[in-house]
Amino acid sequence: PLHRFFILSNCKLNLLEELYRAYPHVIEPFEGIVIPLHAGFAKPDKRMFEHLLAKYALHPANSIFIDDAPENTKVAIELGITGITYGPGVN
């Protein structure tokens, strides 16, 4: 595939399971999901990002991270990932 998509979220596993049951088409395009249960850390801890990069053999310079929290985007940028802060209430 031209692009690979992943979820890096602080949500709990049961929330993801509920989302998948209700809207499977929303989750299906994603190749993988990393949540604190899997990584042992939560955003904005840089180890969460490093876990995603290592698990899926991603190169930071070839990756884009989109989040609504500037503190999360800042960590991604510090790791060499292109960071975009986007969402409700973000100017």
N, C-alpha and C. Protein backbone atom coordinates (compact mmCIF):
# COMPACT_ATOMS: atom_id res chain seq x y z
N PRO A 1 0.82 -1.21 0.00
CA PRO A 1 0.00 0.00 0.00
C PRO A 1 0.86 1.26 0.00
N LEU A 2 0.33 2.29 -0.58
CA LEU A 2 1.02 3.58 -0.64
C LEU A 2 1.19 4.18 0.75
N HIS A 3 0.16 4.06 1.57
CA HIS A 3 0.18 4.61 2.93
C HIS A 3 -0.27 3.54 3.91
N ARG A 4 0.30 3.60 5.09
CA ARG A 4 -0.10 2.71 6.18
C ARG A 4 -0.68 3.58 7.29
N PHE A 5 -1.75 3.10 7.92
CA PHE A 5 -2.42 3.88 8.96
C PHE A 5 -2.45 3.10 10.27
N PHE A 6 -2.18 3.83 11.37
CA PHE A 6 -2.16 3.25 12.70
C PHE A 6 -2.90 4.16 13.66
N ILE A 7 -3.37 3.58 14.74
CA ILE A 7 -3.98 4.35 15.82
C ILE A 7 -3.01 4.33 17.00
N LEU A 8 -2.71 5.50 17.52
CA LEU A 8 -1.92 5.65 18.75
C LEU A 8 -2.82 6.43 19.70
N SER A 9 -3.40 5.73 20.65
CA SER A 9 -4.45 6.33 21.48
C SER A 9 -4.26 5.99 22.95
N ASN A 10 -4.70 6.91 23.80
CA ASN A 10 -4.69 6.66 25.23
C ASN A 10 -5.99 6.01 25.71
N CYS A 11 -6.86 5.65 24.81
CA CYS A 11 -8.14 5.07 25.23
C CYS A 11 -7.96 3.65 25.76
N LYS A 12 -8.94 3.22 26.47
CA LYS A 12 -8.92 1.87 27.04
C LYS A 12 -9.39 0.86 26.00
N LEU A 13 -8.97 -0.38 26.15
CA LEU A 13 -9.29 -1.43 25.20
C LEU A 13 -10.79 -1.60 25.02
N ASN A 14 -11.56 -1.54 26.10
CA ASN A 14 -13.01 -1.73 25.96
C ASN A 14 -13.66 -0.65 25.10
N LEU A 15 -13.12 0.57 25.12
CA LEU A 15 -13.67 1.63 24.27
C LEU A 15 -13.40 1.32 22.80
N LEU A 16 -12.20 0.84 22.48
CA LEU A 16 -11.89 0.46 21.10
C LEU A 16 -12.78 -0.70 20.65
N GLU A 17 -12.99 -1.65 21.52
CA GLU A 17 -13.85 -2.79 21.17
C GLU A 17 -15.27 -2.34 20.90
N GLU A 18 -15.78 -1.41 21.72
CA GLU A 18 -17.13 -0.86 21.50
C GLU A 18 -17.20 -0.10 20.18
N LEU A 19 -16.17 0.69 19.89
CA LEU A 19 -16.12 1.43 18.64
C LEU A 19 -16.12 0.48 17.46
N TYR A 20 -15.34 -0.59 17.55
CA TYR A 20 -15.29 -1.55 16.45
C TYR A 20 -16.63 -2.24 16.24
N ARG A 21 -17.29 -2.61 17.33
CA ARG A 21 -18.61 -3.25 17.21
C ARG A 21 -19.63 -2.31 16.55
N ALA A 22 -19.59 -1.05 16.95
CA ALA A 22 -20.57 -0.09 16.44
C ALA A 22 -20.21 0.41 15.04
N TYR A 23 -18.92 0.60 14.77
CA TYR A 23 -18.48 1.20 13.50
C TYR A 23 -17.25 0.48 12.97
N PRO A 24 -17.37 -0.77 12.57
CA PRO A 24 -16.18 -1.51 12.12
C PRO A 24 -15.47 -0.85 10.95
N HIS A 25 -16.20 -0.16 10.10
CA HIS A 25 -15.59 0.49 8.93
C HIS A 25 -14.64 1.62 9.33
N VAL A 26 -14.78 2.13 10.54
CA VAL A 26 -13.88 3.19 11.01
C VAL A 26 -12.53 2.62 11.41
N ILE A 27 -12.52 1.43 12.00
CA ILE A 27 -11.30 0.82 12.49
C ILE A 27 -10.58 -0.01 11.42
N GLU A 28 -11.31 -0.61 10.52
CA GLU A 28 -10.72 -1.55 9.54
C GLU A 28 -9.59 -0.99 8.68
N PRO A 29 -9.58 0.30 8.31
CA PRO A 29 -8.46 0.79 7.49
C PRO A 29 -7.12 0.83 8.22
N PHE A 30 -7.13 0.69 9.54
CA PHE A 30 -5.91 0.80 10.31
C PHE A 30 -5.20 -0.55 10.41
N GLU A 31 -3.91 -0.52 10.13
CA GLU A 31 -3.09 -1.73 10.17
C GLU A 31 -2.82 -2.18 11.60
N GLY A 32 -2.73 -1.23 12.50
CA GLY A 32 -2.44 -1.58 13.88
C GLY A 32 -2.89 -0.51 14.84
N ILE A 33 -2.99 -0.91 16.10
CA ILE A 33 -3.42 -0.01 17.16
C ILE A 33 -2.48 -0.18 18.34
N VAL A 34 -2.03 0.93 18.89
CA VAL A 34 -1.22 0.90 20.11
C VAL A 34 -1.93 1.76 21.15
N ILE A 35 -2.21 1.13 22.28
CA ILE A 35 -2.84 1.82 23.41
C ILE A 35 -1.96 1.57 24.64
N PRO A 36 -2.17 2.30 25.73
CA PRO A 36 -1.32 2.11 26.91
C PRO A 36 -1.23 0.66 27.39
N LEU A 37 -2.30 -0.11 27.24
CA LEU A 37 -2.27 -1.51 27.63
C LEU A 37 -1.18 -2.27 26.88
N HIS A 38 -0.98 -1.94 25.61
CA HIS A 38 0.02 -2.60 24.78
C HIS A 38 1.43 -2.06 25.04
N ALA A 39 1.54 -0.76 25.20
CA ALA A 39 2.84 -0.11 25.26
C ALA A 39 3.40 0.01 26.68
N GLY A 40 2.52 0.07 27.66
CA GLY A 40 2.96 0.29 29.03
C GLY A 40 3.14 1.76 29.35
N PHE A 41 2.82 2.62 28.40
CA PHE A 41 2.96 4.07 28.56
C PHE A 41 1.75 4.74 27.91
N ALA A 42 1.58 6.01 28.20
CA ALA A 42 0.52 6.79 27.56
C ALA A 42 1.10 8.07 26.97
N LYS A 43 0.44 8.58 25.94
CA LYS A 43 0.86 9.86 25.38
C LYS A 43 0.73 10.91 26.49
N PRO A 44 1.60 11.85 26.59
CA PRO A 44 2.67 12.24 25.67
C PRO A 44 4.02 11.60 25.98
N ASP A 45 4.08 10.53 26.73
CA ASP A 45 5.35 9.85 27.00
C ASP A 45 5.97 9.40 25.68
N LYS A 46 7.19 9.81 25.43
CA LYS A 46 7.83 9.49 24.15
C LYS A 46 7.98 8.00 23.93
N ARG A 47 8.01 7.23 25.00
CA ARG A 47 8.13 5.77 24.86
C ARG A 47 6.92 5.16 24.17
N MET A 48 5.78 5.80 24.27
CA MET A 48 4.58 5.32 23.56
C MET A 48 4.81 5.42 22.05
N PHE A 49 5.35 6.54 21.61
CA PHE A 49 5.64 6.75 20.20
C PHE A 49 6.74 5.79 19.73
N GLU A 50 7.77 5.65 20.55
CA GLU A 50 8.87 4.75 20.21
C GLU A 50 8.38 3.30 20.09
N HIS A 51 7.43 2.93 20.92
CA HIS A 51 6.86 1.58 20.86
C HIS A 51 6.16 1.37 19.51
N LEU A 52 5.37 2.34 19.08
CA LEU A 52 4.67 2.25 17.79
C LEU A 52 5.68 2.15 16.65
N LEU A 53 6.70 3.01 16.66
CA LEU A 53 7.70 3.01 15.60
C LEU A 53 8.42 1.66 15.53
N ALA A 54 8.80 1.13 16.68
CA ALA A 54 9.53 -0.14 16.71
C ALA A 54 8.63 -1.32 16.33
N LYS A 55 7.43 -1.35 16.86
CA LYS A 55 6.53 -2.48 16.61
C LYS A 55 6.22 -2.65 15.13
N TYR A 56 6.06 -1.54 14.42
CA TYR A 56 5.67 -1.61 13.02
C TYR A 56 6.80 -1.21 12.07
N ALA A 57 8.02 -1.14 12.59
CA ALA A 57 9.21 -0.82 11.78
C ALA A 57 8.99 0.46 10.96
N LEU A 58 8.56 1.50 11.63
CA LEU A 58 8.30 2.79 10.98
C LEU A 58 9.50 3.71 11.17
N HIS A 59 9.81 4.48 10.15
CA HIS A 59 10.89 5.46 10.24
C HIS A 59 10.26 6.81 10.55
N PRO A 60 10.73 7.48 11.60
CA PRO A 60 10.12 8.76 11.98
C PRO A 60 10.02 9.77 10.85
N ALA A 61 11.06 9.87 10.03
CA ALA A 61 11.07 10.86 8.94
C ALA A 61 10.02 10.56 7.87
N ASN A 62 9.53 9.34 7.84
CA ASN A 62 8.50 8.96 6.86
C ASN A 62 7.12 8.86 7.50
N SER A 63 6.99 9.39 8.71
CA SER A 63 5.74 9.25 9.45
C SER A 63 5.10 10.60 9.73
N ILE A 64 3.77 10.58 9.82
CA ILE A 64 2.99 11.78 10.17
C ILE A 64 2.10 11.41 11.34
N PHE A 65 2.09 12.27 12.34
CA PHE A 65 1.25 12.06 13.52
C PHE A 65 0.27 13.23 13.60
N ILE A 66 -1.02 12.91 13.69
CA ILE A 66 -2.07 13.93 13.79
C ILE A 66 -2.78 13.74 15.12
N ASP A 67 -2.89 14.82 15.89
CA ASP A 67 -3.51 14.73 17.21
C ASP A 67 -4.13 16.08 17.54
N ASP A 68 -5.06 16.07 18.48
CA ASP A 68 -5.69 17.33 18.88
C ASP A 68 -5.01 17.97 20.08
N ALA A 69 -4.01 17.30 20.65
CA ALA A 69 -3.31 17.83 21.82
C ALA A 69 -1.91 18.29 21.42
N PRO A 70 -1.64 19.57 21.54
CA PRO A 70 -0.31 20.09 21.16
C PRO A 70 0.84 19.40 21.88
N GLU A 71 0.65 19.00 23.14
CA GLU A 71 1.74 18.35 23.87
C GLU A 71 2.11 17.00 23.25
N ASN A 72 1.13 16.32 22.65
CA ASN A 72 1.41 15.05 21.98
C ASN A 72 2.13 15.29 20.65
N THR A 73 1.67 16.28 19.92
CA THR A 73 2.30 16.61 18.64
C THR A 73 3.74 17.06 18.86
N LYS A 74 3.98 17.80 19.94
CA LYS A 74 5.34 18.27 20.25
C LYS A 74 6.29 17.10 20.43
N VAL A 75 5.87 16.06 21.14
CA VAL A 75 6.72 14.89 21.35
C VAL A 75 7.03 14.20 20.03
N ALA A 76 6.01 14.07 19.18
CA ALA A 76 6.23 13.44 17.87
C ALA A 76 7.29 14.20 17.09
N ILE A 77 7.19 15.50 17.08
CA ILE A 77 8.16 16.34 16.36
C ILE A 77 9.56 16.17 16.94
N GLU A 78 9.66 16.10 18.26
CA GLU A 78 10.96 15.89 18.91
C GLU A 78 11.60 14.56 18.48
N LEU A 79 10.77 13.58 18.12
CA LEU A 79 11.27 12.28 17.69
C LEU A 79 11.52 12.22 16.18
N GLY A 80 11.31 13.34 15.48
CA GLY A 80 11.57 13.38 14.04
C GLY A 80 10.37 13.04 13.19
N ILE A 81 9.20 12.94 13.81
CA ILE A 81 7.95 12.66 13.11
C ILE A 81 7.31 14.00 12.73
N THR A 82 6.74 14.09 11.54
CA THR A 82 5.98 15.29 11.19
C THR A 82 4.73 15.30 12.06
N GLY A 83 4.54 16.37 12.80
CA GLY A 83 3.40 16.48 13.72
C GLY A 83 2.42 17.53 13.26
N ILE A 84 1.15 17.18 13.31
CA ILE A 84 0.07 18.10 12.95
C ILE A 84 -0.93 18.12 14.09
N THR A 85 -1.18 19.31 14.61
CA THR A 85 -2.21 19.45 15.65
C THR A 85 -3.48 19.91 14.96
N TYR A 86 -4.52 19.08 15.11
CA TYR A 86 -5.77 19.34 14.38
C TYR A 86 -6.93 18.81 15.20
N GLY A 87 -8.00 19.55 15.25
CA GLY A 87 -9.19 19.06 15.91
C GLY A 87 -10.02 20.21 16.45
N PRO A 88 -11.14 19.88 17.08
CA PRO A 88 -12.01 20.91 17.64
C PRO A 88 -11.26 21.76 18.66
N GLY A 89 -11.41 23.06 18.51
CA GLY A 89 -10.79 23.98 19.46
C GLY A 89 -9.33 24.28 19.18
N VAL A 90 -8.75 23.67 18.14
CA VAL A 90 -7.35 23.94 17.80
C VAL A 90 -7.33 25.03 16.75
N ASN A 91 -6.53 26.06 17.01
CA ASN A 91 -6.43 27.17 16.04
C ASN A 91 -5.27 26.98 15.11
